[in-house]
Amino acid sequence: MRKVKLKLKKPRYGVGMAGGMACVITGLFLGIPQFGGAGVVFTLLAAVATVFLGKEGFLVLREFNLDDEKLRGRLRRRSPEQKLATLQKLYEQKLISKKQFEEKSRKLQQPGPGGPGTEG
């Protein structure tokens, strides 16, 4: 099993998260002491926004099994070209090995079950 990797989906999430952390720190050291309850509300809102941006901004990449029934069901409903494009994306994201990519690509390009013009 591969280690879990964190990959930033879009840079704006990282910028927003950094800004949110700055607001939380400002709220803790300036907002709460000077403005009391309003400072607490500000700090809590900044913390919630920071957590949301962190959750949305980072994508957990994981290794998964191409023989997984749910994935096979999704791939089965697609054309061979769509299946190859999906496999290419998985390979480019390093979610499948080169061997897995070549094996599945070869199966898709062969006539018969799982190949062009078939449902399986």
N, C-alpha and C. Protein backbone atom coordinates (compact mmCIF):
# COMPACT_ATOMS: atom_id res chain seq x y z
N MET A 1 0.85 -1.19 0.00
CA MET A 1 0.00 0.00 0.00
C MET A 1 0.89 1.23 0.00
N ARG A 2 0.53 2.20 -0.80
CA ARG A 2 1.29 3.45 -0.86
C ARG A 2 0.98 4.32 0.34
N LYS A 3 1.91 5.22 0.63
CA LYS A 3 1.67 6.21 1.67
C LYS A 3 0.64 7.21 1.16
N VAL A 4 -0.10 7.78 2.08
CA VAL A 4 -1.08 8.80 1.70
C VAL A 4 -0.32 10.07 1.33
N LYS A 5 -0.67 10.66 0.20
CA LYS A 5 -0.04 11.89 -0.26
C LYS A 5 -1.07 13.01 -0.23
N LEU A 6 -0.64 14.19 0.13
CA LEU A 6 -1.51 15.35 0.06
C LEU A 6 -1.07 16.19 -1.12
N LYS A 7 -2.00 16.52 -1.95
CA LYS A 7 -1.68 17.31 -3.13
C LYS A 7 -2.65 18.48 -3.18
N LEU A 8 -2.13 19.68 -3.28
CA LEU A 8 -2.97 20.88 -3.35
C LEU A 8 -3.70 20.88 -4.68
N LYS A 9 -5.04 20.92 -4.63
CA LYS A 9 -5.83 20.91 -5.86
C LYS A 9 -5.71 22.22 -6.61
N LYS A 10 -5.89 23.33 -5.90
CA LYS A 10 -5.82 24.64 -6.55
C LYS A 10 -5.07 25.59 -5.62
N PRO A 11 -4.16 26.38 -6.16
CA PRO A 11 -3.37 27.29 -5.32
C PRO A 11 -4.21 28.26 -4.50
N ARG A 12 -5.38 28.64 -5.00
CA ARG A 12 -6.17 29.62 -4.27
C ARG A 12 -6.61 29.08 -2.91
N TYR A 13 -6.78 27.77 -2.79
CA TYR A 13 -7.14 27.19 -1.50
C TYR A 13 -5.99 27.38 -0.50
N GLY A 14 -4.77 27.19 -0.98
CA GLY A 14 -3.61 27.38 -0.11
C GLY A 14 -3.47 28.82 0.35
N VAL A 15 -3.71 29.75 -0.56
CA VAL A 15 -3.66 31.18 -0.22
C VAL A 15 -4.77 31.52 0.78
N GLY A 16 -5.96 31.01 0.53
CA GLY A 16 -7.08 31.25 1.45
C GLY A 16 -6.84 30.65 2.81
N MET A 17 -6.24 29.46 2.83
CA MET A 17 -5.94 28.81 4.11
C MET A 17 -4.90 29.60 4.89
N ALA A 18 -3.88 30.08 4.19
CA ALA A 18 -2.85 30.89 4.86
C ALA A 18 -3.46 32.18 5.41
N GLY A 19 -4.33 32.81 4.62
CA GLY A 19 -5.02 34.02 5.10
C GLY A 19 -5.91 33.72 6.29
N GLY A 20 -6.58 32.58 6.27
CA GLY A 20 -7.43 32.17 7.38
C GLY A 20 -6.62 31.94 8.65
N MET A 21 -5.45 31.34 8.50
CA MET A 21 -4.59 31.13 9.68
C MET A 21 -4.11 32.46 10.24
N ALA A 22 -3.80 33.41 9.36
CA ALA A 22 -3.39 34.73 9.81
C ALA A 22 -4.53 35.41 10.58
N CYS A 23 -5.75 35.24 10.10
CA CYS A 23 -6.91 35.83 10.79
C CYS A 23 -7.15 35.17 12.15
N VAL A 24 -6.94 33.86 12.24
CA VAL A 24 -7.11 33.17 13.51
C VAL A 24 -6.07 33.68 14.52
N ILE A 25 -4.83 33.81 14.07
CA ILE A 25 -3.78 34.30 14.97
C ILE A 25 -4.07 35.74 15.40
N THR A 26 -4.49 36.56 14.44
CA THR A 26 -4.84 37.95 14.77
C THR A 26 -5.99 37.99 15.76
N GLY A 27 -6.99 37.14 15.54
CA GLY A 27 -8.13 37.09 16.45
C GLY A 27 -7.73 36.66 17.85
N LEU A 28 -6.85 35.69 17.94
CA LEU A 28 -6.42 35.21 19.26
C LEU A 28 -5.65 36.26 20.05
N PHE A 29 -4.74 36.95 19.37
CA PHE A 29 -3.86 37.88 20.08
C PHE A 29 -4.35 39.33 20.11
N LEU A 30 -5.20 39.72 19.16
CA LEU A 30 -5.68 41.09 19.14
C LEU A 30 -7.20 41.20 19.29
N GLY A 31 -7.93 40.38 18.52
CA GLY A 31 -9.38 40.49 18.49
C GLY A 31 -10.04 40.17 19.81
N ILE A 32 -9.71 39.04 20.40
CA ILE A 32 -10.35 38.64 21.66
C ILE A 32 -9.99 39.58 22.80
N PRO A 33 -8.69 39.91 22.99
CA PRO A 33 -8.38 40.82 24.10
C PRO A 33 -9.00 42.21 23.95
N GLN A 34 -9.10 42.73 22.73
CA GLN A 34 -9.61 44.09 22.55
C GLN A 34 -11.12 44.18 22.39
N PHE A 35 -11.72 43.15 21.76
CA PHE A 35 -13.14 43.25 21.42
C PHE A 35 -14.02 42.20 22.12
N GLY A 36 -13.46 41.39 22.95
CA GLY A 36 -14.23 40.42 23.73
C GLY A 36 -15.02 39.45 22.86
N GLY A 37 -16.35 39.47 23.04
CA GLY A 37 -17.23 38.53 22.33
C GLY A 37 -17.15 38.65 20.82
N ALA A 38 -17.05 39.86 20.31
CA ALA A 38 -16.93 40.05 18.86
C ALA A 38 -15.62 39.43 18.35
N GLY A 39 -14.57 39.54 19.16
CA GLY A 39 -13.29 38.93 18.79
C GLY A 39 -13.37 37.42 18.76
N VAL A 40 -14.13 36.86 19.69
CA VAL A 40 -14.32 35.40 19.72
C VAL A 40 -15.07 34.95 18.46
N VAL A 41 -16.13 35.67 18.11
CA VAL A 41 -16.91 35.33 16.91
C VAL A 41 -16.02 35.42 15.66
N PHE A 42 -15.26 36.50 15.55
CA PHE A 42 -14.34 36.67 14.41
C PHE A 42 -13.36 35.51 14.33
N THR A 43 -12.77 35.16 15.46
CA THR A 43 -11.77 34.09 15.49
C THR A 43 -12.40 32.74 15.12
N LEU A 44 -13.58 32.47 15.63
CA LEU A 44 -14.25 31.22 15.29
C LEU A 44 -14.61 31.14 13.81
N LEU A 45 -15.10 32.24 13.25
CA LEU A 45 -15.42 32.25 11.82
C LEU A 45 -14.15 32.03 10.97
N ALA A 46 -13.07 32.67 11.39
CA ALA A 46 -11.81 32.50 10.66
C ALA A 46 -11.32 31.05 10.77
N ALA A 47 -11.50 30.44 11.93
CA ALA A 47 -11.08 29.05 12.12
C ALA A 47 -11.91 28.10 11.26
N VAL A 48 -13.23 28.33 11.20
CA VAL A 48 -14.10 27.48 10.38
C VAL A 48 -13.73 27.62 8.91
N ALA A 49 -13.51 28.84 8.45
CA ALA A 49 -13.12 29.07 7.05
C ALA A 49 -11.79 28.39 6.74
N THR A 50 -10.85 28.46 7.68
CA THR A 50 -9.53 27.85 7.47
C THR A 50 -9.65 26.34 7.36
N VAL A 51 -10.44 25.74 8.24
CA VAL A 51 -10.63 24.29 8.20
C VAL A 51 -11.31 23.88 6.89
N PHE A 52 -12.33 24.63 6.48
CA PHE A 52 -13.03 24.33 5.23
C PHE A 52 -12.06 24.39 4.04
N LEU A 53 -11.28 25.46 3.97
CA LEU A 53 -10.33 25.60 2.86
C LEU A 53 -9.28 24.50 2.89
N GLY A 54 -8.85 24.13 4.08
CA GLY A 54 -7.88 23.04 4.19
C GLY A 54 -8.46 21.73 3.73
N LYS A 55 -9.71 21.47 4.10
CA LYS A 55 -10.38 20.23 3.71
C LYS A 55 -10.64 20.19 2.20
N GLU A 56 -11.13 21.29 1.66
CA GLU A 56 -11.44 21.35 0.24
C GLU A 56 -10.19 21.49 -0.63
N GLY A 57 -9.16 22.10 -0.09
CA GLY A 57 -7.99 22.41 -0.89
C GLY A 57 -7.04 21.26 -1.09
N PHE A 58 -7.09 20.29 -0.22
CA PHE A 58 -6.16 19.19 -0.33
C PHE A 58 -6.92 17.92 -0.68
N LEU A 59 -6.37 17.20 -1.61
CA LEU A 59 -6.96 15.96 -2.07
C LEU A 59 -6.09 14.83 -1.58
N VAL A 60 -6.67 13.87 -0.91
CA VAL A 60 -5.91 12.72 -0.45
C VAL A 60 -5.85 11.71 -1.59
N LEU A 61 -4.64 11.45 -2.05
CA LEU A 61 -4.46 10.47 -3.11
C LEU A 61 -4.23 9.12 -2.45
N ARG A 62 -4.87 8.10 -2.97
CA ARG A 62 -4.70 6.78 -2.39
C ARG A 62 -4.58 5.76 -3.50
N GLU A 63 -3.98 4.65 -3.17
CA GLU A 63 -3.89 3.57 -4.13
C GLU A 63 -5.19 2.77 -4.05
N PHE A 64 -5.69 2.33 -5.16
CA PHE A 64 -6.88 1.52 -5.14
C PHE A 64 -6.74 0.39 -6.14
N ASN A 65 -7.56 -0.59 -6.01
CA ASN A 65 -7.48 -1.80 -6.80
C ASN A 65 -8.34 -1.66 -8.05
N LEU A 66 -7.76 -1.87 -9.21
CA LEU A 66 -8.53 -1.77 -10.45
C LEU A 66 -9.54 -2.90 -10.58
N ASP A 67 -9.42 -3.92 -9.74
CA ASP A 67 -10.39 -5.01 -9.76
C ASP A 67 -11.57 -4.73 -8.84
N ASP A 68 -11.56 -3.56 -8.19
CA ASP A 68 -12.65 -3.16 -7.31
C ASP A 68 -13.96 -3.15 -8.11
N GLU A 69 -15.00 -3.78 -7.56
CA GLU A 69 -16.29 -3.92 -8.26
C GLU A 69 -16.91 -2.58 -8.61
N LYS A 70 -16.85 -1.62 -7.70
CA LYS A 70 -17.45 -0.31 -7.95
C LYS A 70 -16.75 0.39 -9.13
N LEU A 71 -15.42 0.34 -9.15
CA LEU A 71 -14.67 0.95 -10.25
C LEU A 71 -14.94 0.22 -11.56
N ARG A 72 -15.00 -1.08 -11.51
CA ARG A 72 -15.28 -1.85 -12.73
C ARG A 72 -16.65 -1.49 -13.28
N GLY A 73 -17.63 -1.27 -12.40
CA GLY A 73 -18.96 -0.88 -12.84
C GLY A 73 -18.94 0.45 -13.56
N ARG A 74 -18.17 1.40 -13.03
CA ARG A 74 -18.09 2.72 -13.68
C ARG A 74 -17.39 2.62 -15.03
N LEU A 75 -16.33 1.83 -15.09
CA LEU A 75 -15.59 1.69 -16.34
C LEU A 75 -16.40 0.93 -17.39
N ARG A 76 -17.22 -0.01 -16.95
CA ARG A 76 -17.99 -0.84 -17.87
C ARG A 76 -18.96 -0.01 -18.70
N ARG A 77 -19.48 1.08 -18.16
CA ARG A 77 -20.48 1.90 -18.86
C ARG A 77 -19.84 2.90 -19.83
N ARG A 78 -18.56 2.89 -19.96
CA ARG A 78 -17.88 3.87 -20.81
C ARG A 78 -17.38 3.23 -22.10
N SER A 79 -17.15 4.09 -23.09
CA SER A 79 -16.59 3.60 -24.35
C SER A 79 -15.12 3.24 -24.12
N PRO A 80 -14.54 2.43 -25.01
CA PRO A 80 -13.12 2.08 -24.86
C PRO A 80 -12.21 3.31 -24.83
N GLU A 81 -12.55 4.33 -25.61
CA GLU A 81 -11.73 5.55 -25.62
C GLU A 81 -11.78 6.25 -24.25
N GLN A 82 -12.98 6.29 -23.67
CA GLN A 82 -13.13 6.91 -22.34
C GLN A 82 -12.39 6.10 -21.28
N LYS A 83 -12.45 4.78 -21.42
CA LYS A 83 -11.75 3.92 -20.46
C LYS A 83 -10.24 4.13 -20.54
N LEU A 84 -9.72 4.23 -21.77
CA LEU A 84 -8.29 4.46 -21.95
C LEU A 84 -7.88 5.82 -21.38
N ALA A 85 -8.72 6.82 -21.59
CA ALA A 85 -8.43 8.16 -21.05
C ALA A 85 -8.41 8.12 -19.52
N THR A 86 -9.35 7.38 -18.92
CA THR A 86 -9.39 7.26 -17.46
C THR A 86 -8.15 6.55 -16.96
N LEU A 87 -7.77 5.47 -17.62
CA LEU A 87 -6.56 4.75 -17.22
C LEU A 87 -5.33 5.64 -17.34
N GLN A 88 -5.27 6.43 -18.42
CA GLN A 88 -4.14 7.35 -18.61
C GLN A 88 -4.05 8.35 -17.46
N LYS A 89 -5.20 8.89 -17.05
CA LYS A 89 -5.21 9.84 -15.93
C LYS A 89 -4.74 9.17 -14.64
N LEU A 90 -5.22 7.96 -14.39
CA LEU A 90 -4.82 7.23 -13.19
C LEU A 90 -3.31 6.99 -13.18
N TYR A 91 -2.79 6.64 -14.36
CA TYR A 91 -1.35 6.39 -14.47
C TYR A 91 -0.55 7.70 -14.28
N GLU A 92 -1.01 8.78 -14.89
CA GLU A 92 -0.31 10.07 -14.76
C GLU A 92 -0.31 10.57 -13.31
N GLN A 93 -1.36 10.25 -12.56
CA GLN A 93 -1.45 10.66 -11.16
C GLN A 93 -0.73 9.67 -10.24
N LYS A 94 -0.09 8.64 -10.87
CA LYS A 94 0.66 7.62 -10.15
C LYS A 94 -0.23 6.84 -9.17
N LEU A 95 -1.49 6.65 -9.57
CA LEU A 95 -2.41 5.86 -8.76
C LEU A 95 -2.39 4.39 -9.18
N ILE A 96 -1.88 4.13 -10.38
CA ILE A 96 -1.68 2.76 -10.83
C ILE A 96 -0.27 2.66 -11.39
N SER A 97 0.26 1.44 -11.39
CA SER A 97 1.61 1.23 -11.89
C SER A 97 1.61 1.16 -13.42
N LYS A 98 2.80 1.26 -13.99
CA LYS A 98 2.93 1.16 -15.44
C LYS A 98 2.45 -0.21 -15.91
N LYS A 99 2.78 -1.23 -15.13
CA LYS A 99 2.38 -2.59 -15.48
C LYS A 99 0.85 -2.71 -15.50
N GLN A 100 0.17 -2.16 -14.48
CA GLN A 100 -1.29 -2.19 -14.44
C GLN A 100 -1.87 -1.43 -15.63
N PHE A 101 -1.30 -0.26 -15.92
CA PHE A 101 -1.79 0.55 -17.04
C PHE A 101 -1.67 -0.21 -18.35
N GLU A 102 -0.48 -0.79 -18.61
CA GLU A 102 -0.27 -1.51 -19.87
C GLU A 102 -1.18 -2.73 -19.98
N GLU A 103 -1.34 -3.45 -18.87
CA GLU A 103 -2.18 -4.64 -18.87
C GLU A 103 -3.64 -4.29 -19.18
N LYS A 104 -4.17 -3.28 -18.49
CA LYS A 104 -5.56 -2.89 -18.72
C LYS A 104 -5.75 -2.28 -20.11
N SER A 105 -4.76 -1.51 -20.58
CA SER A 105 -4.84 -0.91 -21.92
C SER A 105 -4.87 -2.00 -22.98
N ARG A 106 -4.02 -3.00 -22.81
CA ARG A 106 -3.96 -4.11 -23.76
C ARG A 106 -5.31 -4.84 -23.80
N LYS A 107 -5.91 -5.07 -22.62
CA LYS A 107 -7.21 -5.74 -22.56
C LYS A 107 -8.30 -4.92 -23.26
N LEU A 108 -8.25 -3.59 -23.09
CA LEU A 108 -9.26 -2.73 -23.72
C LEU A 108 -9.13 -2.71 -25.24
N GLN A 109 -7.93 -2.89 -25.74
CA GLN A 109 -7.71 -2.80 -27.17
C GLN A 109 -7.94 -4.12 -27.89
N GLN A 110 -8.12 -5.22 -27.12
CA GLN A 110 -8.38 -6.52 -27.72
C GLN A 110 -9.87 -6.72 -27.94
N PRO A 111 -10.23 -7.38 -29.05
CA PRO A 111 -11.64 -7.71 -29.23
C PRO A 111 -12.04 -8.78 -28.20
N GLY A 112 -13.30 -8.78 -27.82
CA GLY A 112 -13.77 -9.75 -26.83
C GLY A 112 -14.24 -9.03 -25.58
N PRO A 113 -14.47 -9.80 -24.51
CA PRO A 113 -14.96 -9.18 -23.26
C PRO A 113 -14.02 -8.09 -22.77
N GLY A 114 -14.56 -6.92 -22.57
CA GLY A 114 -13.76 -5.79 -22.08
C GLY A 114 -13.12 -5.00 -23.18
N GLY A 115 -13.14 -5.51 -24.41
CA GLY A 115 -12.51 -4.82 -25.52
C GLY A 115 -13.48 -3.93 -26.26
N PRO A 116 -13.03 -3.30 -27.35
CA PRO A 116 -13.89 -2.40 -28.12
C PRO A 116 -15.17 -3.09 -28.60
N GLY A 117 -16.25 -2.37 -28.50
CA GLY A 117 -17.53 -2.86 -29.00
C GLY A 117 -18.24 -3.85 -28.10
N THR A 118 -17.75 -3.98 -26.85
CA THR A 118 -18.40 -4.91 -25.93
C THR A 118 -18.80 -4.18 -24.67
N GLU A 119 -19.62 -4.83 -23.87
CA GLU A 119 -20.08 -4.25 -22.63
C GLU A 119 -19.18 -4.62 -21.46
N GLY A 120 -18.45 -5.74 -21.51
CA GLY A 120 -17.71 -6.22 -20.35
C GLY A 120 -16.33 -5.82 -20.43
